[in-house]
Amino acid sequence: MKQWRVSCFSRGGRRALTLTLAGVLGELSSRAQTADGNNGLQEANTLVRKYYADGTNLMYAIAGILALVGAVKVYGKWSHGDPDTGKVAAAWFGSCIFLVVVATVIKQFFGIS
């Protein structure tokens, strides 16, 4: 039984595609080497510092929503008399505390004021 190999590119087409991709990557590499890396890092640093307050507020909002969802779930377990209510409450409370602590630690670690 003969098996037929179906290919979307002929051999010449694959070579052309490979050469095109190599040319594009070479061009990108040469442009990346000529660009001043310090300017890019400085710009990234200022952007991160500029958006940090918004990110922190978003983190606090997510922690608040998690606290509300966790409180509802813990109340449901507690009202049904489930024996693992304490573990579930500790897990939800811990996740909210983790989000708040991470925001504070990152702020202190990077010296963002």
PDB file of N, CA and C in Angstrom:
ATOM      1  N   MET A   1       0.847  -1.165   0.000  1.00  0.00           N
ATOM      2  CA  MET A   1       0.000   0.000   0.000  1.00  0.00           C
ATOM      3  C   MET A   1       0.895   1.232   0.000  1.00  0.00           C
ATOM      4  N   LYS A   2       0.580   2.137  -0.864  1.00  0.00           N
ATOM      5  CA  LYS A   2       1.383   3.335  -0.998  1.00  0.00           C
ATOM      6  C   LYS A   2       0.787   4.462  -0.173  1.00  0.00           C
ATOM      7  N   GLN A   3       1.638   5.144   0.612  1.00  0.00           N
ATOM      8  CA  GLN A   3       1.155   6.276   1.402  1.00  0.00           C
ATOM      9  C   GLN A   3       1.518   7.564   0.676  1.00  0.00           C
ATOM     10  N   TRP A   4       0.581   8.465   0.639  1.00  0.00           N
ATOM     11  CA  TRP A   4       0.789   9.738  -0.025  1.00  0.00           C
ATOM     12  C   TRP A   4       1.082  10.792   1.022  1.00  0.00           C
ATOM     13  N   ARG A   5       2.084  11.555   0.788  1.00  0.00           N
ATOM     14  CA  ARG A   5       2.472  12.629   1.703  1.00  0.00           C
ATOM     15  C   ARG A   5       1.930  13.929   1.139  1.00  0.00           C
ATOM     16  N   VAL A   6       1.085  14.568   1.931  1.00  0.00           N
ATOM     17  CA  VAL A   6       0.485  15.821   1.498  1.00  0.00           C
ATOM     18  C   VAL A   6       1.216  16.941   2.218  1.00  0.00           C
ATOM     19  N   SER A   7       1.671  17.890   1.470  1.00  0.00           N
ATOM     20  CA  SER A   7       2.399  19.015   2.059  1.00  0.00           C
ATOM     21  C   SER A   7       1.837  20.306   1.498  1.00  0.00           C
ATOM     22  N   CYS A   8       1.742  21.302   2.354  1.00  0.00           N
ATOM     23  CA  CYS A   8       1.213  22.577   1.879  1.00  0.00           C
ATOM     24  C   CYS A   8       2.285  23.395   1.171  1.00  0.00           C
ATOM     25  N   PHE A   9       3.553  23.034   1.353  1.00  0.00           N
ATOM     26  CA  PHE A   9       4.640  23.734   0.672  1.00  0.00           C
ATOM     27  C   PHE A   9       5.482  22.721  -0.094  1.00  0.00           C
ATOM     28  N   SER A  10       5.895  23.116  -1.261  1.00  0.00           N
ATOM     29  CA  SER A  10       6.846  22.277  -1.981  1.00  0.00           C
ATOM     30  C   SER A  10       8.227  22.503  -1.374  1.00  0.00           C
ATOM     31  N   ARG A  11       9.213  21.771  -1.836  1.00  0.00           N
ATOM     32  CA  ARG A  11      10.560  21.952  -1.285  1.00  0.00           C
ATOM     33  C   ARG A  11      11.070  23.364  -1.512  1.00  0.00           C
ATOM     34  N   GLY A  12      10.817  23.879  -2.673  1.00  0.00           N
ATOM     35  CA  GLY A  12      11.241  25.245  -2.971  1.00  0.00           C
ATOM     36  C   GLY A  12      10.516  26.266  -2.107  1.00  0.00           C
ATOM     37  N   GLY A  13       9.239  26.017  -1.861  1.00  0.00           N
ATOM     38  CA  GLY A  13       8.453  26.908  -1.011  1.00  0.00           C
ATOM     39  C   GLY A  13       8.944  26.902   0.423  1.00  0.00           C
ATOM     40  N   ARG A  14       9.329  25.734   0.926  1.00  0.00           N
ATOM     41  CA  ARG A  14       9.861  25.648   2.287  1.00  0.00           C
ATOM     42  C   ARG A  14      11.182  26.381   2.409  1.00  0.00           C
ATOM     43  N   ARG A  15      12.013  26.242   1.397  1.00  0.00           N
ATOM     44  CA  ARG A  15      13.298  26.954   1.423  1.00  0.00           C
ATOM     45  C   ARG A  15      13.077  28.454   1.417  1.00  0.00           C
ATOM     46  N   ALA A  16      12.158  28.910   0.608  1.00  0.00           N
ATOM     47  CA  ALA A  16      11.884  30.342   0.525  1.00  0.00           C
ATOM     48  C   ALA A  16      11.336  30.849   1.855  1.00  0.00           C
ATOM     49  N   LEU A  17      10.455  30.082   2.456  1.00  0.00           N
ATOM     50  CA  LEU A  17       9.899  30.472   3.754  1.00  0.00           C
ATOM     51  C   LEU A  17      10.988  30.505   4.817  1.00  0.00           C
ATOM     52  N   THR A  18      11.860  29.503   4.815  1.00  0.00           N
ATOM     53  CA  THR A  18      12.953  29.455   5.781  1.00  0.00           C
ATOM     54  C   THR A  18      13.900  30.634   5.597  1.00  0.00           C
ATOM     55  N   LEU A  19      14.246  30.948   4.367  1.00  0.00           N
ATOM     56  CA  LEU A  19      15.136  32.077   4.109  1.00  0.00           C
ATOM     57  C   LEU A  19      14.482  33.401   4.495  1.00  0.00           C
ATOM     58  N   THR A  20      13.190  33.525   4.257  1.00  0.00           N
ATOM     59  CA  THR A  20      12.483  34.748   4.629  1.00  0.00           C
ATOM     60  C   THR A  20      12.475  34.922   6.140  1.00  0.00           C
ATOM     61  N   LEU A  21      12.152  33.846   6.850  1.00  0.00           N
ATOM     62  CA  LEU A  21      12.151  33.928   8.312  1.00  0.00           C
ATOM     63  C   LEU A  21      13.536  34.228   8.862  1.00  0.00           C
ATOM     64  N   ALA A  22      14.571  33.635   8.283  1.00  0.00           N
ATOM     65  CA  ALA A  22      15.933  33.905   8.725  1.00  0.00           C
ATOM     66  C   ALA A  22      16.292  35.374   8.478  1.00  0.00           C
ATOM     67  N   GLY A  23      15.872  35.912   7.348  1.00  0.00           N
ATOM     68  CA  GLY A  23      16.137  37.319   7.063  1.00  0.00           C
ATOM     69  C   GLY A  23      15.434  38.251   8.029  1.00  0.00           C
ATOM     70  N   VAL A  24      14.178  37.939   8.337  1.00  0.00           N
ATOM     71  CA  VAL A  24      13.417  38.767   9.277  1.00  0.00           C
ATOM     72  C   VAL A  24      14.056  38.711  10.657  1.00  0.00           C
ATOM     73  N   LEU A  25      14.410  37.520  11.122  1.00  0.00           N
ATOM     74  CA  LEU A  25      15.045  37.393  12.436  1.00  0.00           C
ATOM     75  C   LEU A  25      16.401  38.093  12.470  1.00  0.00           C
ATOM     76  N   GLY A  26      17.144  38.010  11.399  1.00  0.00           N
ATOM     77  CA  GLY A  26      18.426  38.713  11.343  1.00  0.00           C
ATOM     78  C   GLY A  26      18.247  40.223  11.418  1.00  0.00           C
ATOM     79  N   GLU A  27      17.248  40.735  10.728  1.00  0.00           N
ATOM     80  CA  GLU A  27      16.965  42.169  10.759  1.00  0.00           C
ATOM     81  C   GLU A  27      16.550  42.612  12.155  1.00  0.00           C
ATOM     82  N   LEU A  28      15.669  41.838  12.793  1.00  0.00           N
ATOM     83  CA  LEU A  28      15.242  42.176  14.147  1.00  0.00           C
ATOM     84  C   LEU A  28      16.410  42.132  15.118  1.00  0.00           C
ATOM     85  N   SER A  29      17.278  41.160  14.944  1.00  0.00           N
ATOM     86  CA  SER A  29      18.439  41.037  15.819  1.00  0.00           C
ATOM     87  C   SER A  29      19.376  42.232  15.655  1.00  0.00           C
ATOM     88  N   SER A  30      19.589  42.663  14.419  1.00  0.00           N
ATOM     89  CA  SER A  30      20.493  43.795  14.203  1.00  0.00           C
ATOM     90  C   SER A  30      19.883  45.090  14.740  1.00  0.00           C
ATOM     91  N   ARG A  31      18.569  45.242  14.626  1.00  0.00           N
ATOM     92  CA  ARG A  31      17.926  46.440  15.179  1.00  0.00           C
ATOM     93  C   ARG A  31      17.968  46.435  16.698  1.00  0.00           C
ATOM     94  N   ALA A  32      17.803  45.268  17.296  1.00  0.00           N
ATOM     95  CA  ALA A  32      17.824  45.180  18.759  1.00  0.00           C
ATOM     96  C   ALA A  32      19.204  45.510  19.293  1.00  0.00           C
ATOM     97  N   GLN A  33      20.251  45.152  18.550  1.00  0.00           N
ATOM     98  CA  GLN A  33      21.605  45.421  19.014  1.00  0.00           C
ATOM     99  C   GLN A  33      21.965  46.892  18.865  1.00  0.00           C
ATOM    100  N   THR A  34      21.386  47.570  17.894  1.00  0.00           N
ATOM    101  CA  THR A  34      21.727  48.978  17.712  1.00  0.00           C
ATOM    102  C   THR A  34      20.925  49.896  18.618  1.00  0.00           C
ATOM    103  N   ALA A  35      19.799  49.420  19.140  1.00  0.00           N
ATOM    104  CA  ALA A  35      18.986  50.257  20.022  1.00  0.00           C
ATOM    105  C   ALA A  35      19.678  50.383  21.371  1.00  0.00           C
ATOM    106  N   ASP A  36      19.484  51.520  22.000  1.00  0.00           N
ATOM    107  CA  ASP A  36      20.090  51.749  23.301  1.00  0.00           C
ATOM    108  C   ASP A  36      19.251  51.034  24.359  1.00  0.00           C
ATOM    109  N   GLY A  37      19.802  50.012  24.970  1.00  0.00           N
ATOM    110  CA  GLY A  37      19.081  49.221  25.953  1.00  0.00           C
ATOM    111  C   GLY A  37      18.782  49.978  27.225  1.00  0.00           C
ATOM    112  N   ASN A  38      19.643  50.921  27.581  1.00  0.00           N
ATOM    113  CA  ASN A  38      19.410  51.675  28.808  1.00  0.00           C
ATOM    114  C   ASN A  38      18.149  52.526  28.718  1.00  0.00           C
ATOM    115  N   ASN A  39      17.911  53.111  27.559  1.00  0.00           N
ATOM    116  CA  ASN A  39      16.691  53.905  27.398  1.00  0.00           C
ATOM    117  C   ASN A  39      15.446  53.041  27.536  1.00  0.00           C
ATOM    118  N   GLY A  40      15.477  51.849  26.987  1.00  0.00           N
ATOM    119  CA  GLY A  40      14.343  50.948  27.097  1.00  0.00           C
ATOM    120  C   GLY A  40      14.083  50.517  28.532  1.00  0.00           C
ATOM    121  N   LEU A  41      15.166  50.206  29.247  1.00  0.00           N
ATOM    122  CA  LEU A  41      15.006  49.819  30.652  1.00  0.00           C
ATOM    123  C   LEU A  41      14.504  50.980  31.497  1.00  0.00           C
ATOM    124  N   GLN A  42      15.007  52.166  31.228  1.00  0.00           N
ATOM    125  CA  GLN A  42      14.561  53.340  31.985  1.00  0.00           C
ATOM    126  C   GLN A  42      13.081  53.631  31.724  1.00  0.00           C
ATOM    127  N   GLU A  43      12.666  53.482  30.473  1.00  0.00           N
ATOM    128  CA  GLU A  43      11.259  53.709  30.132  1.00  0.00           C
ATOM    129  C   GLU A  43      10.365  52.676  30.811  1.00  0.00           C
ATOM    130  N   ALA A  44      10.802  51.418  30.822  1.00  0.00           N
ATOM    131  CA  ALA A  44      10.032  50.372  31.498  1.00  0.00           C
ATOM    132  C   ALA A  44       9.946  50.651  32.992  1.00  0.00           C
ATOM    133  N   ASN A  45      11.036  51.117  33.570  1.00  0.00           N
ATOM    134  CA  ASN A  45      11.061  51.435  35.004  1.00  0.00           C
ATOM    135  C   ASN A  45      10.062  52.543  35.332  1.00  0.00           C
ATOM    136  N   THR A  46      10.040  53.586  34.543  1.00  0.00           N
ATOM    137  CA  THR A  46       9.107  54.687  34.819  1.00  0.00           C
ATOM    138  C   THR A  46       7.655  54.253  34.605  1.00  0.00           C
ATOM    139  N   LEU A  47       7.405  53.412  33.600  1.00  0.00           N
ATOM    140  CA  LEU A  47       6.039  52.938  33.374  1.00  0.00           C
ATOM    141  C   LEU A  47       5.549  52.067  34.528  1.00  0.00           C
ATOM    142  N   VAL A  48       6.416  51.180  35.016  1.00  0.00           N
ATOM    143  CA  VAL A  48       6.019  50.322  36.139  1.00  0.00           C
ATOM    144  C   VAL A  48       5.753  51.161  37.373  1.00  0.00           C
ATOM    145  N   ARG A  49       6.608  52.128  37.639  1.00  0.00           N
ATOM    146  CA  ARG A  49       6.410  52.976  38.812  1.00  0.00           C
ATOM    147  C   ARG A  49       5.147  53.829  38.675  1.00  0.00           C
ATOM    148  N   LYS A  50       4.834  54.243  37.443  1.00  0.00           N
ATOM    149  CA  LYS A  50       3.659  55.084  37.227  1.00  0.00           C
ATOM    150  C   LYS A  50       2.362  54.304  37.458  1.00  0.00           C
ATOM    151  N   TYR A  51       2.340  53.046  37.037  1.00  0.00           N
ATOM    152  CA  TYR A  51       1.120  52.246  37.150  1.00  0.00           C
ATOM    153  C   TYR A  51       1.050  51.427  38.423  1.00  0.00           C
ATOM    154  N   TYR A  52       2.029  51.545  39.310  1.00  0.00           N
ATOM    155  CA  TYR A  52       2.044  50.712  40.505  1.00  0.00           C
ATOM    156  C   TYR A  52       0.869  51.026  41.427  1.00  0.00           C
ATOM    157  N   ALA A  53       0.540  52.297  41.608  1.00  0.00           N
ATOM    158  CA  ALA A  53      -0.568  52.665  42.499  1.00  0.00           C
ATOM    159  C   ALA A  53      -1.887  52.088  41.986  1.00  0.00           C
ATOM    160  N   ASP A  54      -2.100  52.144  40.676  1.00  0.00           N
ATOM    161  CA  ASP A  54      -3.317  51.558  40.109  1.00  0.00           C
ATOM    162  C   ASP A  54      -3.328  50.042  40.283  1.00  0.00           C
ATOM    163  N   GLY A  55      -2.192  49.416  40.095  1.00  0.00           N
ATOM    164  CA  GLY A  55      -2.094  47.972  40.284  1.00  0.00           C
ATOM    165  C   GLY A  55      -2.347  47.566  41.729  1.00  0.00           C
ATOM    166  N   THR A  56      -1.845  48.371  42.658  1.00  0.00           N
ATOM    167  CA  THR A  56      -2.068  48.084  44.077  1.00  0.00           C
ATOM    168  C   THR A  56      -3.544  48.213  44.421  1.00  0.00           C
ATOM    169  N   ASN A  57      -4.185  49.252  43.928  1.00  0.00           N
ATOM    170  CA  ASN A  57      -5.620  49.405  44.172  1.00  0.00           C
ATOM    171  C   ASN A  57      -6.414  48.246  43.569  1.00  0.00           C
ATOM    172  N   LEU A  58      -6.010  47.787  42.392  1.00  0.00           N
ATOM    173  CA  LEU A  58      -6.661  46.641  41.773  1.00  0.00           C
ATOM    174  C   LEU A  58      -6.476  45.395  42.628  1.00  0.00           C
ATOM    175  N   MET A  59      -5.278  45.221  43.181  1.00  0.00           N
ATOM    176  CA  MET A  59      -5.014  44.072  44.041  1.00  0.00           C
ATOM    177  C   MET A  59      -5.879  44.106  45.299  1.00  0.00           C
ATOM    178  N   TYR A  60      -6.026  45.289  45.875  1.00  0.00           N
ATOM    179  CA  TYR A  60      -6.882  45.429  47.056  1.00  0.00           C
ATOM    180  C   TYR A  60      -8.342  45.144  46.707  1.00  0.00           C
ATOM    181  N   ALA A  61      -8.783  45.577  45.534  1.00  0.00           N
ATOM    182  CA  ALA A  61     -10.161  45.313  45.118  1.00  0.00           C
ATOM    183  C   ALA A  61     -10.389  43.814  44.914  1.00  0.00           C
ATOM    184  N   ILE A  62      -9.418  43.148  44.303  1.00  0.00           N
ATOM    185  CA  ILE A  62      -9.534  41.702  44.119  1.00  0.00           C
ATOM    186  C   ILE A  62      -9.572  40.994  45.469  1.00  0.00           C
ATOM    187  N   ALA A  63      -8.743  41.450  46.412  1.00  0.00           N
ATOM    188  CA  ALA A  63      -8.749  40.863  47.753  1.00  0.00           C
ATOM    189  C   ALA A  63     -10.107  41.065  48.424  1.00  0.00           C
ATOM    190  N   GLY A  64     -10.710  42.224  48.239  1.00  0.00           N
ATOM    191  CA  GLY A  64     -12.029  42.483  48.813  1.00  0.00           C
ATOM    192  C   GLY A  64     -13.097  41.581  48.228  1.00  0.00           C
ATOM    193  N   ILE A  65     -13.054  41.396  46.915  1.00  0.00           N
ATOM    194  CA  ILE A  65     -14.028  40.515  46.266  1.00  0.00           C
ATOM    195  C   ILE A  65     -13.825  39.075  46.730  1.00  0.00           C
ATOM    196  N   LEU A  66     -12.558  38.647  46.824  1.00  0.00           N
ATOM    197  CA  LEU A  66     -12.290  37.302  47.333  1.00  0.00           C
ATOM    198  C   LEU A  66     -12.786  37.135  48.763  1.00  0.00           C
ATOM    199  N   ALA A  67     -12.647  38.189  49.574  1.00  0.00           N
ATOM    200  CA  ALA A  67     -13.114  38.120  50.954  1.00  0.00           C
ATOM    201  C   ALA A  67     -14.631  37.942  51.001  1.00  0.00           C
ATOM    202  N   LEU A  68     -15.348  38.664  50.146  1.00  0.00           N
ATOM    203  CA  LEU A  68     -16.808  38.528  50.117  1.00  0.00           C
ATOM    204  C   LEU A  68     -17.240  37.136  49.644  1.00  0.00           C
ATOM    205  N   VAL A  69     -16.617  36.643  48.586  1.00  0.00           N
ATOM    206  CA  VAL A  69     -16.954  35.317  48.078  1.00  0.00           C
ATOM    207  C   VAL A  69     -16.621  34.256  49.126  1.00  0.00           C
ATOM    208  N   GLY A  70     -15.465  34.406  49.753  1.00  0.00           N
ATOM    209  CA  GLY A  70     -15.068  33.460  50.791  1.00  0.00           C
ATOM    210  C   GLY A  70     -16.001  33.488  51.979  1.00  0.00           C
ATOM    211  N   ALA A  71     -16.452  34.685  52.366  1.00  0.00           N
ATOM    212  CA  ALA A  71     -17.370  34.791  53.499  1.00  0.00           C
ATOM    213  C   ALA A  71     -18.682  34.084  53.193  1.00  0.00           C
ATOM    214  N   VAL A  72     -19.174  34.218  51.964  1.00  0.00           N
ATOM    215  CA  VAL A  72     -20.413  33.551  51.586  1.00  0.00           C
ATOM    216  C   VAL A  72     -20.229  32.035  51.589  1.00  0.00           C
ATOM    217  N   LYS A  73     -19.109  31.565  51.043  1.00  0.00           N
ATOM    218  CA  LYS A  73     -18.856  30.120  51.017  1.00  0.00           C
ATOM    219  C   LYS A  73     -18.696  29.560  52.423  1.00  0.00           C
ATOM    220  N   VAL A  74     -17.972  30.264  53.283  1.00  0.00           N
ATOM    221  CA  VAL A  74     -17.773  29.792  54.656  1.00  0.00           C
ATOM    222  C   VAL A  74     -19.103  29.794  55.400  1.00  0.00           C
ATOM    223  N   TYR A  75     -19.906  30.821  55.202  1.00  0.00           N
ATOM    224  CA  TYR A  75     -21.214  30.864  55.863  1.00  0.00           C
ATOM    225  C   TYR A  75     -22.092  29.689  55.410  1.00  0.00           C
ATOM    226  N   GLY A  76     -22.051  29.391  54.118  1.00  0.00           N
ATOM    227  CA  GLY A  76     -22.826  28.260  53.601  1.00  0.00           C
ATOM    228  C   GLY A  76     -22.388  26.947  54.230  1.00  0.00           C
ATOM    229  N   LYS A  77     -21.088  26.744  54.346  1.00  0.00           N
ATOM    230  CA  LYS A  77     -20.580  25.519  54.970  1.00  0.00           C
ATOM    231  C   LYS A  77     -20.942  25.478  56.451  1.00  0.00           C
ATOM    232  N   TRP A  78     -20.827  26.617  57.102  1.00  0.00           N
ATOM    233  CA  TRP A  78     -21.109  26.689  58.535  1.00  0.00           C
ATOM    234  C   TRP A  78     -22.583  26.415  58.817  1.00  0.00           C
ATOM    235  N   SER A  79     -23.460  26.981  57.976  1.00  0.00           N
ATOM    236  CA  SER A  79     -24.894  26.794  58.197  1.00  0.00           C
ATOM    237  C   SER A  79     -25.345  25.363  57.897  1.00  0.00           C
ATOM    238  N   HIS A  80     -24.604  24.652  57.030  1.00  0.00           N
ATOM    239  CA  HIS A  80     -24.932  23.256  56.743  1.00  0.00           C
ATOM    240  C   HIS A  80     -24.246  22.298  57.706  1.00  0.00           C
ATOM    241  N   GLY A  81     -23.387  22.819  58.576  1.00  0.00           N
ATOM    242  CA  GLY A  81     -22.738  21.979  59.577  1.00  0.00           C
ATOM    243  C   GLY A  81     -21.584  21.145  59.061  1.00  0.00           C
ATOM    244  N   ASP A  82     -20.926  21.587  58.007  1.00  0.00           N
ATOM    245  CA  ASP A  82     -19.774  20.844  57.488  1.00  0.00           C
ATOM    246  C   ASP A  82     -18.623  20.886  58.489  1.00  0.00           C
ATOM    247  N   PRO A  83     -17.916  19.772  58.668  1.00  0.00           N
ATOM    248  CA  PRO A  83     -16.842  19.746  59.663  1.00  0.00           C
ATOM    249  C   PRO A  83     -15.563  20.476  59.234  1.00  0.00           C
ATOM    250  N   ASP A  84     -15.386  20.726  57.930  1.00  0.00           N
ATOM    251  CA  ASP A  84     -14.152  21.380  57.489  1.00  0.00           C
ATOM    252  C   ASP A  84     -14.308  22.886  57.292  1.00  0.00           C
ATOM    253  N   THR A  85     -15.224  23.490  57.992  1.00  0.00           N
ATOM    254  CA  THR A  85     -15.470  24.935  57.849  1.00  0.00           C
ATOM    255  C   THR A  85     -14.257  25.748  58.260  1.00  0.00           C
ATOM    256  N   GLY A  86     -13.575  25.320  59.319  1.00  0.00           N
ATOM    257  CA  GLY A  86     -12.392  26.052  59.791  1.00  0.00           C
ATOM    258  C   GLY A  86     -11.284  26.079  58.757  1.00  0.00           C
ATOM    259  N   LYS A  87     -11.048  24.962  58.079  1.00  0.00           N
ATOM    260  CA  LYS A  87     -10.004  24.913  57.052  1.00  0.00           C
ATOM    261  C   LYS A  87     -10.344  25.814  55.875  1.00  0.00           C
ATOM    262  N   VAL A  88     -11.591  25.805  55.468  1.00  0.00           N
ATOM    263  CA  VAL A  88     -12.014  26.634  54.336  1.00  0.00           C
ATOM    264  C   VAL A  88     -11.904  28.113  54.697  1.00  0.00           C
ATOM    265  N   ALA A  89     -12.298  28.456  55.911  1.00  0.00           N
ATOM    266  CA  ALA A  89     -12.198  29.857  56.345  1.00  0.00           C
ATOM    267  C   ALA A  89     -10.744  30.300  56.383  1.00  0.00           C
ATOM    268  N   ALA A  90      -9.863  29.451  56.885  1.00  0.00           N
ATOM    269  CA  ALA A  90      -8.440  29.791  56.950  1.00  0.00           C
ATOM    270  C   ALA A  90      -7.852  29.962  55.553  1.00  0.00           C
ATOM    271  N   ALA A  91      -8.274  29.127  54.617  1.00  0.00           N
ATOM    272  CA  ALA A  91      -7.752  29.230  53.247  1.00  0.00           C
ATOM    273  C   ALA A  91      -8.188  30.531  52.583  1.00  0.00           C
ATOM    274  N   TRP A  92      -9.447  30.903  52.689  1.00  0.00           N
ATOM    275  CA  TRP A  92      -9.928  32.150  52.087  1.00  0.00           C
ATOM    276  C   TRP A  92      -9.299  33.360  52.760  1.00  0.00           C
ATOM    277  N   PHE A  93      -9.222  33.334  54.074  1.00  0.00           N
ATOM    278  CA  PHE A  93      -8.612  34.447  54.805  1.00  0.00           C
ATOM    279  C   PHE A  93      -7.139  34.580  54.438  1.00  0.00           C
ATOM    280  N   GLY A  94      -6.452  33.454  54.336  1.00  0.00           N
ATOM    281  CA  GLY A  94      -5.035  33.468  53.963  1.00  0.00           C
ATOM    282  C   GLY A  94      -4.798  34.019  52.575  1.00  0.00           C
ATOM    283  N   SER A  95      -5.673  33.695  51.634  1.00  0.00           N
ATOM    284  CA  SER A  95      -5.488  34.209  50.274  1.00  0.00           C
ATOM    285  C   SER A  95      -5.658  35.727  50.225  1.00  0.00           C
ATOM    286  N   CYS A  96      -6.605  36.257  50.993  1.00  0.00           N
ATOM    287  CA  CYS A  96      -6.800  37.712  51.025  1.00  0.00           C
ATOM    288  C   CYS A  96      -5.604  38.408  51.682  1.00  0.00           C
ATOM    289  N   ILE A  97      -5.119  37.847  52.765  1.00  0.00           N
ATOM    290  CA  ILE A  97      -3.952  38.422  53.440  1.00  0.00           C
ATOM    291  C   ILE A  97      -2.737  38.356  52.527  1.00  0.00           C
ATOM    292  N   PHE A  98      -2.586  37.267  51.780  1.00  0.00           N
ATOM    293  CA  PHE A  98      -1.466  37.133  50.859  1.00  0.00           C
ATOM    294  C   PHE A  98      -1.469  38.254  49.824  1.00  0.00           C
ATOM    295  N   LEU A  99      -2.611  38.579  49.250  1.00  0.00           N
ATOM    296  CA  LEU A  99      -2.668  39.643  48.252  1.00  0.00           C
ATOM    297  C   LEU A  99      -2.263  40.989  48.840  1.00  0.00           C
ATOM    298  N   VAL A 100      -2.703  41.277  50.041  1.00  0.00           N
ATOM    299  CA  VAL A 100      -2.365  42.554  50.673  1.00  0.00           C
ATOM    300  C   VAL A 100      -0.879  42.595  51.018  1.00  0.00           C
ATOM    301  N   VAL A 101      -0.336  41.495  51.535  1.00  0.00           N
ATOM    302  CA  VAL A 101       1.078  41.464  51.922  1.00  0.00           C
ATOM    303  C   VAL A 101       1.975  41.559  50.693  1.00  0.00           C
ATOM    304  N   VAL A 102       1.600  40.901  49.601  1.00  0.00           N
ATOM    305  CA  VAL A 102       2.414  40.955  48.383  1.00  0.00           C
ATOM    306  C   VAL A 102       2.528  42.387  47.874  1.00  0.00           C
ATOM    307  N   ALA A 103       1.438  43.123  47.866  1.00  0.00           N
ATOM    308  CA  ALA A 103       1.478  44.517  47.407  1.00  0.00           C
ATOM    309  C   ALA A 103       2.417  45.346  48.282  1.00  0.00           C
ATOM    310  N   THR A 104       2.379  45.131  49.586  1.00  0.00           N
ATOM    311  CA  THR A 104       3.232  45.892  50.501  1.00  0.00           C
ATOM    312  C   THR A 104       4.694  45.496  50.347  1.00  0.00           C
ATOM    313  N   VAL A 105       4.970  44.209  50.237  1.00  0.00           N
ATOM    314  CA  VAL A 105       6.356  43.745  50.119  1.00  0.00           C
ATOM    315  C   VAL A 105       6.979  44.231  48.821  1.00  0.00           C
ATOM    316  N   ILE A 106       6.241  44.172  47.731  1.00  0.00           N
ATOM    317  CA  ILE A 106       6.781  44.642  46.452  1.00  0.00           C
ATOM    318  C   ILE A 106       7.075  46.135  46.525  1.00  0.00           C
ATOM    319  N   LYS A 107       6.208  46.877  47.167  1.00  0.00           N
ATOM    320  CA  LYS A 107       6.425  48.322  47.308  1.00  0.00           C
ATOM    321  C   LYS A 107       7.705  48.600  48.082  1.00  0.00           C
ATOM    322  N   GLN A 108       7.931  47.892  49.169  1.00  0.00           N
ATOM    323  CA  GLN A 108       9.125  48.106  49.974  1.00  0.00           C
ATOM    324  C   GLN A 108      10.371  47.584  49.272  1.00  0.00           C
ATOM    325  N   PHE A 109      10.251  46.455  48.583  1.00  0.00           N
ATOM    326  CA  PHE A 109      11.401  45.834  47.922  1.00  0.00           C
ATOM    327  C   PHE A 109      11.954  46.711  46.804  1.00  0.00           C
ATOM    328  N   PHE A 110      11.068  47.285  46.013  1.00  0.00           N
ATOM    329  CA  PHE A 110      11.502  48.116  44.894  1.00  0.00           C
ATOM    330  C   PHE A 110      11.620  49.584  45.234  1.00  0.00           C
ATOM    331  N   GLY A 111      11.300  49.963  46.470  1.00  0.00           N
ATOM    332  CA  GLY A 111      11.442  51.352  46.894  1.00  0.00           C
ATOM    333  C   GLY A 111      10.478  52.296  46.204  1.00  0.00           C
ATOM    334  N   ILE A 112       9.285  51.836  45.935  1.00  0.00           N
ATOM    335  CA  ILE A 112       8.284  52.667  45.270  1.00  0.00           C
ATOM    336  C   ILE A 112       7.529  53.440  46.356  1.00  0.00           C
ATOM    337  N   SER A 113       7.457  54.743  46.168  1.00  0.00           N
ATOM    338  CA  SER A 113       6.763  55.536  47.181  1.00  0.00           C
ATOM    339  C   SER A 113       5.501  56.138  46.639  1.00  0.00           C
TER     340      SER A 113
END
